[in-house]
Amino acid sequence: MSDVSLVHRLLLRWPAKTPPHPLQAVLEQGALETLYQPIIALQSGAIDGHEALVRGQKDSEMESPQALLDAAQLAQMQIELELACVGRALQGWGYPHTGGRIYLNLSAHTLVALSEPKPFQRLEGLFLAHRVPCKRVVVEVTQHRKLKEMDALERCTTALQALGCAIALDDVKASQRSLDLWLRLKPSVVKLDSRMTMDLQQDPAKAKVLRTLSNLAFKTGASLVAKAVEDAEDLRIVRDAGVHLAQGHFLGFPAPAVVDTLNLRARNVLAEKWTPPEPPSRPAELSTADSGLQKLVGPRWFD
């Protein structure tokens, strides 16, 4: 047998090793960049905390968050990616920063996966490694619409609250499913879908929805967050509707460094004289079977 034939047979027996997925190199090298966007308390103008927004390195094929997520799902590495993002966010925010809270995005699927066998041991280890106490962490539950195991998700949020973390429910709409999940998980923060707070000046019905949801938030002890607040008039509308917290480019762009004060243009709007809305006087109705929202604005916000 010739040497060539022998080599050929060996190659067939021992196939070439599959090259690592590009995402693996990103995670191993820590090639992630974090931006922090402030979340503002509208009655005081104080910074409640910062949402950590992680992306790939600039000018790389995985620069956008969506590209990272798509790659992770394709490679079945979503849990590893989300934990790496948490670690990178804590590293840039943690020990040197002494005030406010950090909002960390974790999908419902990943939270359920991290709850076993030892609930959130890996997540808590990251908090300890970066000297960030759980009481300063808000876990934003994302992609909850895709999860069918709602009992498991409820156990997860209860366990995280027992550690001292706050729970935020992200991308909430005025749909029956969103409201049911809100009342079931009892988050301390409810972040509205950005479509509900965009172009408020052109759609007065949205302000009515905001006021109704603000009343529900008051009754359930949650803080309501308006996202995508992009100009002064939208800021006035969400403030006057009784929304507690807001974020958006008018209030502060995502930036590599944490900011501790609100920008001047937003401070000027919040300093205007206004009368805070009266809290609802009657007891909470914690059933969404007849929320009245569809009668108020029609079906288009309930998809």
Protein backbone atom coordinates (compact mmCIF):
# COMPACT_ATOMS: atom_id res chain seq x y z
CA MET A 1 0.00 0.00 0.00
CA SER A 2 1.35 3.37 -0.97
CA ASP A 3 1.90 6.13 1.56
CA VAL A 4 -0.71 8.23 -0.29
CA SER A 5 -3.37 5.53 0.09
CA LEU A 6 -2.56 5.13 3.78
CA VAL A 7 -2.89 8.86 4.41
CA HIS A 8 -6.17 8.91 2.50
CA ARG A 9 -7.59 6.10 4.63
CA LEU A 10 -6.48 7.79 7.84
CA LEU A 11 -8.14 11.04 6.79
CA LEU A 12 -11.39 9.19 6.15
CA ARG A 13 -11.14 7.54 9.55
CA TRP A 14 -10.29 10.76 11.38
CA PRO A 15 -12.28 13.53 9.68
CA ALA A 16 -11.00 17.08 9.91
CA LYS A 17 -12.06 18.96 13.00
CA THR A 18 -14.95 21.35 12.42
CA PRO A 19 -13.70 24.93 12.70
CA PRO A 20 -15.12 26.80 15.71
CA HIS A 21 -18.13 29.02 15.18
CA PRO A 22 -17.16 32.72 14.86
CA LEU A 23 -19.27 33.49 17.92
CA GLN A 24 -17.04 31.20 19.99
CA ALA A 25 -14.07 33.45 19.25
CA VAL A 26 -16.11 36.53 20.18
CA LEU A 27 -16.97 35.03 23.57
CA GLU A 28 -13.49 33.67 24.27
CA GLN A 29 -11.84 37.00 23.43
CA GLY A 30 -14.48 39.07 25.21
CA ALA A 31 -15.02 40.99 21.97
CA LEU A 32 -18.17 42.70 23.22
CA GLU A 33 -18.86 46.37 23.78
CA THR A 34 -21.34 47.76 26.30
CA LEU A 35 -23.32 50.98 26.17
CA TYR A 36 -25.36 52.29 29.10
CA GLN A 37 -28.60 54.23 28.60
CA PRO A 38 -30.02 56.15 31.57
CA ILE A 39 -33.53 55.50 32.90
CA ILE A 40 -35.01 58.62 34.46
CA ALA A 41 -37.46 59.10 37.34
CA LEU A 42 -39.87 61.65 35.89
CA GLN A 43 -41.08 63.30 39.09
CA SER A 44 -37.59 64.01 40.43
CA GLY A 45 -35.38 64.01 37.34
CA ALA A 46 -33.01 61.61 39.13
CA ILE A 47 -31.36 58.72 37.32
CA ASP A 48 -32.94 55.48 38.53
CA GLY A 49 -30.41 53.32 36.72
CA HIS A 50 -28.93 52.32 33.38
CA GLU A 51 -29.90 49.66 30.88
CA ALA A 52 -26.86 47.76 29.61
CA LEU A 53 -26.90 47.37 25.83
CA VAL A 54 -24.27 44.96 24.51
CA ARG A 55 -23.09 44.61 20.92
CA GLY A 56 -20.15 43.20 19.01
CA GLN A 57 -17.02 45.16 18.28
CA LYS A 58 -17.33 48.04 15.84
CA ASP A 59 -17.03 47.19 12.13
CA SER A 60 -17.21 43.46 12.85
CA GLU A 61 -19.75 41.13 11.24
CA MET A 62 -21.45 40.79 14.62
CA GLU A 63 -21.54 44.44 15.57
CA SER A 64 -25.32 44.70 15.84
CA PRO A 65 -27.15 43.07 18.78
CA GLN A 66 -29.45 41.27 16.34
CA ALA A 67 -26.48 39.77 14.49
CA LEU A 68 -25.11 38.46 17.80
CA LEU A 69 -28.47 37.00 18.77
CA ASP A 70 -29.02 35.39 15.36
CA ALA A 71 -25.57 33.81 15.48
CA ALA A 72 -26.14 32.54 19.01
CA GLN A 73 -29.47 30.96 18.13
CA LEU A 74 -28.00 29.33 15.02
CA ALA A 75 -25.06 27.92 17.02
CA GLN A 76 -27.28 27.04 20.00
CA MET A 77 -25.16 29.30 22.20
CA GLN A 78 -27.78 31.78 23.40
CA ILE A 79 -27.26 31.03 27.08
CA GLU A 80 -23.48 31.46 26.77
CA LEU A 81 -23.94 34.73 24.87
CA GLU A 82 -26.37 36.17 27.40
CA LEU A 83 -24.12 35.29 30.33
CA ALA A 84 -21.14 36.83 28.53
CA CYS A 85 -23.18 40.00 27.96
CA VAL A 86 -24.10 40.14 31.65
CA GLY A 87 -20.46 39.74 32.65
CA ARG A 88 -19.30 42.42 30.24
CA ALA A 89 -22.02 44.81 31.39
CA LEU A 90 -21.17 44.30 35.06
CA GLN A 91 -17.46 44.71 34.37
CA GLY A 92 -18.00 48.16 32.87
CA TRP A 93 -20.55 49.31 35.41
CA GLY A 94 -19.87 47.55 38.68
CA TYR A 95 -17.45 48.38 41.44
CA PRO A 96 -16.38 51.91 40.38
CA HIS A 97 -20.01 53.02 40.10
CA THR A 98 -21.72 53.63 43.42
CA GLY A 99 -25.25 54.81 42.58
CA GLY A 100 -28.39 53.62 40.86
CA ARG A 101 -29.31 50.26 39.43
CA ILE A 102 -28.23 48.28 36.40
CA TYR A 103 -30.87 46.80 34.10
CA LEU A 104 -29.73 43.49 32.57
CA ASN A 105 -31.56 41.82 29.68
CA LEU A 106 -32.09 38.08 29.97
CA SER A 107 -34.50 36.06 27.85
CA ALA A 108 -37.20 33.97 29.47
CA HIS A 109 -35.67 30.85 27.88
CA THR A 110 -32.25 31.55 29.41
CA LEU A 111 -33.71 32.29 32.84
CA VAL A 112 -35.49 28.94 32.89
CA ALA A 113 -32.29 27.17 31.76
CA LEU A 114 -30.22 28.90 34.47
CA SER A 115 -32.65 27.90 37.20
CA GLU A 116 -31.41 24.28 37.18
CA PRO A 117 -29.77 22.38 38.76
CA LYS A 118 -28.79 25.06 41.28
CA PRO A 119 -30.98 28.14 40.79
CA PHE A 120 -28.99 31.03 39.29
CA GLN A 121 -25.63 29.92 40.70
CA ARG A 122 -23.83 31.11 37.56
CA LEU A 123 -25.66 34.43 37.52
CA GLU A 124 -25.08 35.10 41.20
CA GLY A 125 -21.42 34.23 40.70
CA LEU A 126 -21.12 37.02 38.14
CA PHE A 127 -22.66 39.51 40.58
CA LEU A 128 -20.16 38.48 43.26
CA ALA A 129 -17.20 38.56 40.88
CA HIS A 130 -17.95 42.16 39.91
CA ARG A 131 -18.99 43.28 43.41
CA VAL A 132 -22.51 44.23 42.39
CA PRO A 133 -25.08 43.47 45.10
CA CYS A 134 -28.30 41.86 43.94
CA LYS A 135 -30.35 44.77 45.32
CA ARG A 136 -28.84 46.98 42.59
CA VAL A 137 -29.74 44.59 39.77
CA VAL A 138 -32.93 44.73 37.71
CA VAL A 139 -33.38 41.63 35.58
CA GLU A 140 -35.30 42.52 32.42
CA VAL A 141 -37.26 39.49 31.24
CA THR A 142 -37.22 39.56 27.43
CA GLN A 143 -38.68 37.30 24.72
CA HIS A 144 -41.36 36.11 27.13
CA ARG A 145 -43.94 35.79 24.35
CA LYS A 146 -42.01 32.81 22.92
CA LEU A 147 -42.01 30.82 26.15
CA LYS A 148 -44.74 28.30 26.88
CA GLU A 149 -43.48 27.24 30.33
CA MET A 150 -45.02 30.10 32.29
CA ASP A 151 -45.03 28.13 35.55
CA ALA A 152 -41.26 27.71 35.23
CA LEU A 153 -40.81 31.42 34.46
CA GLU A 154 -42.85 32.35 37.51
CA ARG A 155 -40.61 30.16 39.70
CA CYS A 156 -37.57 31.86 38.16
CA THR A 157 -38.72 35.39 38.90
CA THR A 158 -39.70 34.39 42.44
CA ALA A 159 -36.22 32.91 43.01
CA LEU A 160 -34.51 36.04 41.65
CA GLN A 161 -36.63 38.25 43.89
CA ALA A 162 -35.62 36.08 46.84
CA LEU A 163 -31.97 36.82 45.98
CA GLY A 164 -32.75 40.54 46.14
CA CYS A 165 -32.98 41.32 42.42
CA ALA A 166 -35.82 43.39 41.02
CA ILE A 167 -37.78 42.01 38.08
CA ALA A 168 -38.70 44.06 35.02
CA LEU A 169 -41.10 42.74 32.40
CA ASP A 170 -39.97 44.06 29.02
CA ASP A 171 -41.98 44.95 25.90
CA VAL A 172 -45.37 44.95 27.60
CA LYS A 173 -48.37 45.85 25.47
CA ALA A 174 -52.03 46.34 26.32
CA SER A 175 -52.77 42.79 25.21
CA GLN A 176 -54.60 40.25 27.33
CA ARG A 177 -51.50 38.05 27.43
CA SER A 178 -49.19 40.87 28.54
CA LEU A 179 -51.56 41.99 31.27
CA ASP A 180 -52.08 38.43 32.52
CA LEU A 181 -48.31 37.89 32.68
CA TRP A 182 -47.87 41.22 34.48
CA LEU A 183 -50.34 40.23 37.17
CA ARG A 184 -48.90 36.73 37.44
CA LEU A 185 -45.20 37.60 37.73
CA LYS A 186 -45.74 40.73 39.84
CA PRO A 187 -42.69 42.61 38.50
CA SER A 188 -41.57 45.75 40.27
CA VAL A 189 -40.85 47.38 36.89
CA VAL A 190 -42.94 47.21 33.71
CA LYS A 191 -41.31 48.43 30.49
CA LEU A 192 -43.74 49.23 27.72
CA ASP A 193 -43.30 48.17 24.12
CA SER A 194 -41.67 51.12 22.38
CA ARG A 195 -44.46 51.28 19.80
CA MET A 196 -46.83 52.38 22.55
CA THR A 197 -44.78 55.49 23.30
CA MET A 198 -43.61 56.55 19.85
CA ASP A 199 -45.29 59.47 18.02
CA LEU A 200 -47.55 60.27 20.96
CA GLN A 201 -48.34 63.72 19.60
CA GLN A 202 -49.93 62.22 16.49
CA ASP A 203 -52.04 59.67 18.37
CA PRO A 204 -53.96 60.96 21.43
CA ALA A 205 -55.41 57.49 22.04
CA LYS A 206 -51.98 56.32 23.16
CA ALA A 207 -52.00 58.83 26.02
CA LYS A 208 -55.28 57.32 27.24
CA VAL A 209 -53.71 53.86 27.18
CA LEU A 210 -50.70 55.17 29.11
CA ARG A 211 -52.92 56.68 31.80
CA THR A 212 -54.86 53.44 32.18
CA LEU A 213 -51.66 51.39 32.44
CA SER A 214 -50.22 53.92 34.90
CA ASN A 215 -53.25 53.35 37.12
CA LEU A 216 -52.73 49.59 36.92
CA ALA A 217 -49.05 50.05 37.79
CA PHE A 218 -50.01 52.15 40.82
CA LYS A 219 -52.45 49.50 42.01
CA THR A 220 -49.95 46.66 41.61
CA GLY A 221 -47.00 48.53 43.10
CA ALA A 222 -44.99 48.54 39.87
CA SER A 223 -43.04 51.34 38.21
CA LEU A 224 -44.02 51.92 34.59
CA VAL A 225 -41.25 52.73 32.07
CA ALA A 226 -41.87 54.52 28.78
CA LYS A 227 -39.24 53.73 26.17
CA ALA A 228 -38.34 55.61 22.97
CA VAL A 229 -39.00 59.09 24.39
CA GLU A 230 -37.45 61.13 21.59
CA ASP A 231 -38.57 64.75 22.06
CA ALA A 232 -39.80 67.29 24.60
CA GLU A 233 -43.50 66.95 23.82
CA ASP A 234 -43.47 63.17 24.16
CA LEU A 235 -41.71 63.60 27.50
CA ARG A 236 -44.48 65.94 28.67
CA ILE A 237 -47.15 63.49 27.57
CA VAL A 238 -45.68 60.46 29.37
CA ARG A 239 -45.06 62.56 32.50
CA ASP A 240 -48.61 63.93 32.51
CA ALA A 241 -50.01 60.41 32.02
CA GLY A 242 -48.47 59.40 35.35
CA VAL A 243 -45.66 57.26 33.96
CA HIS A 244 -42.95 56.82 36.58
CA LEU A 245 -39.78 56.24 34.55
CA ALA A 246 -38.63 56.90 30.99
CA GLN A 247 -35.73 56.35 28.65
CA GLY A 248 -34.97 57.49 25.13
CA HIS A 249 -32.62 59.65 23.12
CA PHE A 250 -34.14 62.89 24.41
CA LEU A 251 -33.23 61.82 27.94
CA GLY A 252 -29.85 60.31 27.15
CA PHE A 253 -28.14 58.38 24.38
CA PRO A 254 -26.54 54.99 25.05
CA ALA A 255 -22.89 55.70 25.89
CA PRO A 256 -19.78 53.72 26.93
CA ALA A 257 -19.56 55.64 30.22
CA VAL A 258 -22.25 55.83 32.88
CA VAL A 259 -23.74 59.30 33.41
CA ASP A 260 -24.96 60.42 36.82
CA THR A 261 -26.97 63.54 35.89
CA LEU A 262 -29.80 64.19 33.46
CA ASN A 263 -29.03 66.40 30.46
CA LEU A 264 -30.06 70.06 30.53
CA ARG A 265 -32.76 69.93 27.85
CA ALA A 266 -34.66 67.17 29.66
CA ARG A 267 -34.19 68.88 33.04
CA ASN A 268 -35.77 72.04 31.62
CA VAL A 269 -38.87 70.12 30.51
CA LEU A 270 -39.25 68.32 33.84
CA ALA A 271 -38.80 71.61 35.72
CA GLU A 272 -41.91 73.10 34.09
CA LYS A 273 -44.84 73.67 36.41
CA TRP A 274 -47.33 70.85 36.29
CA THR A 275 -49.77 69.00 38.53
CA PRO A 276 -49.02 65.32 39.14
CA PRO A 277 -52.00 63.11 38.26
CA GLU A 278 -54.18 61.97 41.13
CA PRO A 279 -53.66 58.31 42.03
CA PRO A 280 -56.71 56.09 41.57
CA SER A 281 -58.95 56.21 44.62
CA ARG A 282 -60.76 52.91 44.37
CA PRO A 283 -59.21 49.50 45.15
CA ALA A 284 -57.32 47.62 42.48
CA GLU A 285 -59.15 45.23 40.22
CA LEU A 286 -56.46 42.66 39.57
CA SER A 287 -58.34 40.79 36.88
CA THR A 288 -57.82 41.55 33.22
CA ALA A 289 -60.95 39.78 32.06
CA ASP A 290 -62.62 43.14 31.52
CA SER A 291 -59.82 45.71 31.63
CA GLY A 292 -61.79 48.28 29.66
CA LEU A 293 -58.75 49.01 27.51
CA GLN A 294 -60.23 47.63 24.31
CA LYS A 295 -63.35 49.73 24.80
CA LEU A 296 -61.11 52.75 25.25
CA VAL A 297 -58.90 52.56 22.17
CA GLY A 298 -60.03 49.65 20.05
CA PRO A 299 -58.20 46.44 19.15
CA ARG A 300 -55.06 47.74 17.45
CA TRP A 301 -52.87 47.76 20.61
CA PHE A 302 -53.88 44.25 21.58
CA ASP A 303 -52.09 42.14 18.97
